[in-house]
Amino acid sequence: MSMRIADRTKEIVKPLLVEMNLELVDIEYVKEGKEWFLRVFIDKPGGVDIEECGQVSERLSEQLDQIDPIKTPYYLEVSSPGAERPLKKREDLQNHIGDNIYVTLYEHIDGAKSYEGILTAFDETDTDKVVIEFNDKGRKKQVEIPYKKIAKARLAVSFN
């Protein structure tokens, strides 16, 4: 059910975001305790501000009230994905070459199931690999990760 609601919300919110030159990063419909939350994460180059989140929230709320795809009470939250935004699409990876990222994998590569480092390349052609440069005990190393082996990817805040 929560996937259907997220998909339906995506259909509703996408035209609003296109009109406002904003990007849909993610939607989640989750139960926390006794309450349901519909969370919509938006972004744009340079980040979104609270006014933009408020505008999207108001307009989306009106649309949701008219269409009424969610029959139980819920809280609508519209926000930025934050500094450690998820990288859900291939385009996200392409747009963040040179940035510090964190990936978890479906299976081990070179003995590890997660990596954090600089995304140095993403080749969508023949190899379809993500290349990450990371530190291993003070030494710089690179790992090539097949895109299909990535379970999750996100930006990572670096304190260097």
Protein backbone atom coordinates (compact mmCIF):
# COMPACT_ATOMS: atom_id res chain seq x y z
CA MET A 1 0.00 0.00 0.00
CA SER A 2 2.71 2.52 0.89
CA MET A 3 4.36 2.07 -2.55
CA ARG A 4 1.04 2.71 -4.29
CA ILE A 5 0.55 5.90 -2.29
CA ALA A 6 4.11 7.05 -2.99
CA ASP A 7 3.64 6.34 -6.72
CA ARG A 8 0.30 8.15 -6.80
CA THR A 9 1.78 11.12 -4.94
CA LYS A 10 4.63 11.20 -7.47
CA GLU A 11 2.11 11.50 -10.32
CA ILE A 12 0.42 14.39 -8.52
CA VAL A 13 3.51 16.32 -7.43
CA LYS A 14 5.68 16.01 -10.58
CA PRO A 15 3.76 18.64 -12.63
CA LEU A 16 3.88 21.08 -9.70
CA LEU A 17 7.64 20.64 -9.37
CA VAL A 18 8.25 21.01 -13.11
CA GLU A 19 6.29 24.26 -13.04
CA MET A 20 8.40 25.51 -10.10
CA ASN A 21 11.75 24.30 -11.57
CA LEU A 22 12.27 21.87 -8.71
CA GLU A 23 13.41 18.24 -8.66
CA LEU A 24 11.70 15.35 -6.91
CA VAL A 25 14.35 13.48 -4.94
CA ASP A 26 12.23 10.96 -3.07
CA ILE A 27 8.80 10.19 -1.61
CA GLU A 28 8.11 7.98 1.36
CA TYR A 29 4.89 7.02 3.06
CA VAL A 30 5.75 5.49 6.42
CA LYS A 31 4.16 4.65 9.73
CA GLU A 32 6.01 5.84 12.82
CA GLY A 33 4.34 4.77 16.02
CA LYS A 34 0.63 5.28 15.48
CA GLU A 35 1.04 8.08 12.92
CA TRP A 36 1.42 7.98 9.13
CA PHE A 37 3.77 10.41 7.36
CA LEU A 38 3.88 11.32 3.69
CA ARG A 39 7.33 12.83 3.11
CA VAL A 40 8.25 14.54 -0.12
CA PHE A 41 11.89 15.51 -0.63
CA ILE A 42 12.62 18.24 -3.20
CA ASP A 43 15.76 19.97 -4.41
CA LYS A 44 17.28 22.24 -7.03
CA PRO A 45 20.82 23.39 -7.80
CA GLY A 46 21.90 25.49 -4.82
CA GLY A 47 19.25 23.89 -2.59
CA VAL A 48 15.67 24.74 -1.71
CA ASP A 49 14.52 27.16 0.95
CA ILE A 50 11.69 26.98 3.43
CA GLU A 51 9.42 29.17 1.30
CA GLU A 52 9.68 26.78 -1.64
CA CYS A 53 8.96 23.82 0.64
CA GLY A 54 5.93 25.69 2.00
CA GLN A 55 4.63 26.49 -1.49
CA VAL A 56 4.95 22.88 -2.61
CA SER A 57 3.32 21.69 0.63
CA GLU A 58 0.33 24.01 0.17
CA ARG A 59 -0.21 23.18 -3.49
CA LEU A 60 0.32 19.44 -2.99
CA SER A 61 -2.01 19.42 0.02
CA GLU A 62 -4.76 21.03 -2.09
CA GLN A 63 -4.28 18.43 -4.82
CA LEU A 64 -4.25 15.55 -2.33
CA ASP A 65 -7.43 16.87 -0.70
CA GLN A 66 -9.18 16.99 -4.10
CA ILE A 67 -8.03 13.58 -5.33
CA ASP A 68 -8.04 11.95 -1.87
CA PRO A 69 -5.71 8.98 -2.55
CA ILE A 70 -5.00 8.45 1.17
CA LYS A 71 -8.00 7.41 3.23
CA THR A 72 -6.35 7.44 6.67
CA PRO A 73 -5.10 10.50 8.58
CA TYR A 74 -1.46 11.41 7.84
CA TYR A 75 1.04 14.23 8.15
CA LEU A 76 2.44 15.80 4.97
CA GLU A 77 6.06 16.91 5.16
CA VAL A 78 7.86 18.63 2.28
CA SER A 79 11.56 19.27 2.77
CA SER A 80 15.04 19.29 1.34
CA PRO A 81 16.80 15.92 1.35
CA GLY A 82 19.61 17.50 3.38
CA ALA A 83 23.36 17.45 3.03
CA GLU A 84 23.43 13.67 2.67
CA ARG A 85 20.80 13.45 -0.03
CA PRO A 86 20.15 10.06 -1.58
CA LEU A 87 21.47 9.41 -5.07
CA LYS A 88 18.64 7.33 -6.48
CA LYS A 89 19.00 7.75 -10.23
CA ARG A 90 21.86 7.36 -12.69
CA GLU A 91 21.53 11.08 -13.41
CA ASP A 92 22.16 11.82 -9.72
CA LEU A 93 25.48 9.98 -9.87
CA GLN A 94 26.45 11.73 -13.10
CA ASN A 95 25.66 15.12 -11.52
CA HIS A 96 27.78 14.43 -8.43
CA ILE A 97 31.09 13.38 -9.95
CA GLY A 98 33.76 14.98 -7.78
CA ASP A 99 31.63 14.84 -4.64
CA ASN A 100 32.09 12.68 -1.56
CA ILE A 101 29.59 9.80 -1.57
CA TYR A 102 28.75 6.74 0.51
CA VAL A 103 27.51 3.53 -1.11
CA THR A 104 26.31 0.23 0.29
CA LEU A 105 26.44 -2.85 -1.88
CA TYR A 106 24.36 -5.97 -2.38
CA GLU A 107 27.55 -8.04 -2.20
CA HIS A 108 31.18 -7.58 -1.19
CA ILE A 109 33.69 -6.07 -3.58
CA ASP A 110 37.35 -6.34 -2.55
CA GLY A 111 36.22 -7.51 0.88
CA ALA A 112 33.92 -4.58 1.67
CA LYS A 113 30.19 -4.07 1.45
CA SER A 114 30.31 -0.26 1.70
CA TYR A 115 32.59 2.52 0.49
CA GLU A 116 32.94 6.22 1.18
CA GLY A 117 35.04 8.46 -1.00
CA ILE A 118 35.15 10.77 -3.99
CA LEU A 119 33.03 9.73 -6.96
CA THR A 120 35.60 10.08 -9.74
CA ALA A 121 33.67 8.54 -12.64
CA PHE A 122 30.39 7.03 -13.70
CA ASP A 123 30.51 5.31 -17.05
CA GLU A 124 27.03 4.53 -18.33
CA THR A 125 28.24 3.07 -21.62
CA ASP A 126 29.76 -0.39 -21.92
CA THR A 127 31.05 -0.94 -18.39
CA ASP A 128 28.27 0.75 -16.36
CA LYS A 129 30.63 1.24 -13.42
CA VAL A 130 30.95 3.72 -10.60
CA VAL A 131 34.53 4.60 -9.64
CA ILE A 132 35.24 5.78 -6.09
CA GLU A 133 38.57 7.00 -4.76
CA PHE A 134 38.88 6.32 -1.04
CA ASN A 135 41.45 6.27 1.75
CA ASP A 136 42.56 2.91 3.11
CA LYS A 137 44.89 3.32 6.09
CA GLY A 138 46.32 6.55 4.69
CA ARG A 139 46.67 5.28 1.12
CA LYS A 140 44.50 6.43 -1.76
CA LYS A 141 42.81 3.56 -3.56
CA GLN A 142 40.15 3.21 -6.22
CA VAL A 143 37.33 0.75 -6.49
CA GLU A 144 35.17 0.08 -9.55
CA ILE A 145 31.64 -0.89 -8.64
CA PRO A 146 29.11 -2.23 -11.15
CA TYR A 147 26.03 -0.01 -10.94
CA LYS A 148 23.71 -3.02 -10.48
CA LYS A 149 25.56 -3.99 -7.27
CA ILE A 150 24.77 -0.68 -5.51
CA ALA A 151 22.01 -1.08 -2.91
CA LYS A 152 22.01 2.57 -1.80
CA ALA A 153 24.03 5.67 -2.55
CA ARG A 154 24.02 9.10 -0.94
CA LEU A 155 26.15 12.19 -0.62
CA ALA A 156 28.44 12.06 2.40
CA VAL A 157 29.53 14.98 4.52
CA SER A 158 33.30 15.06 4.81
CA PHE A 159 35.08 16.67 7.77
CA ASN A 160 38.53 16.82 6.15
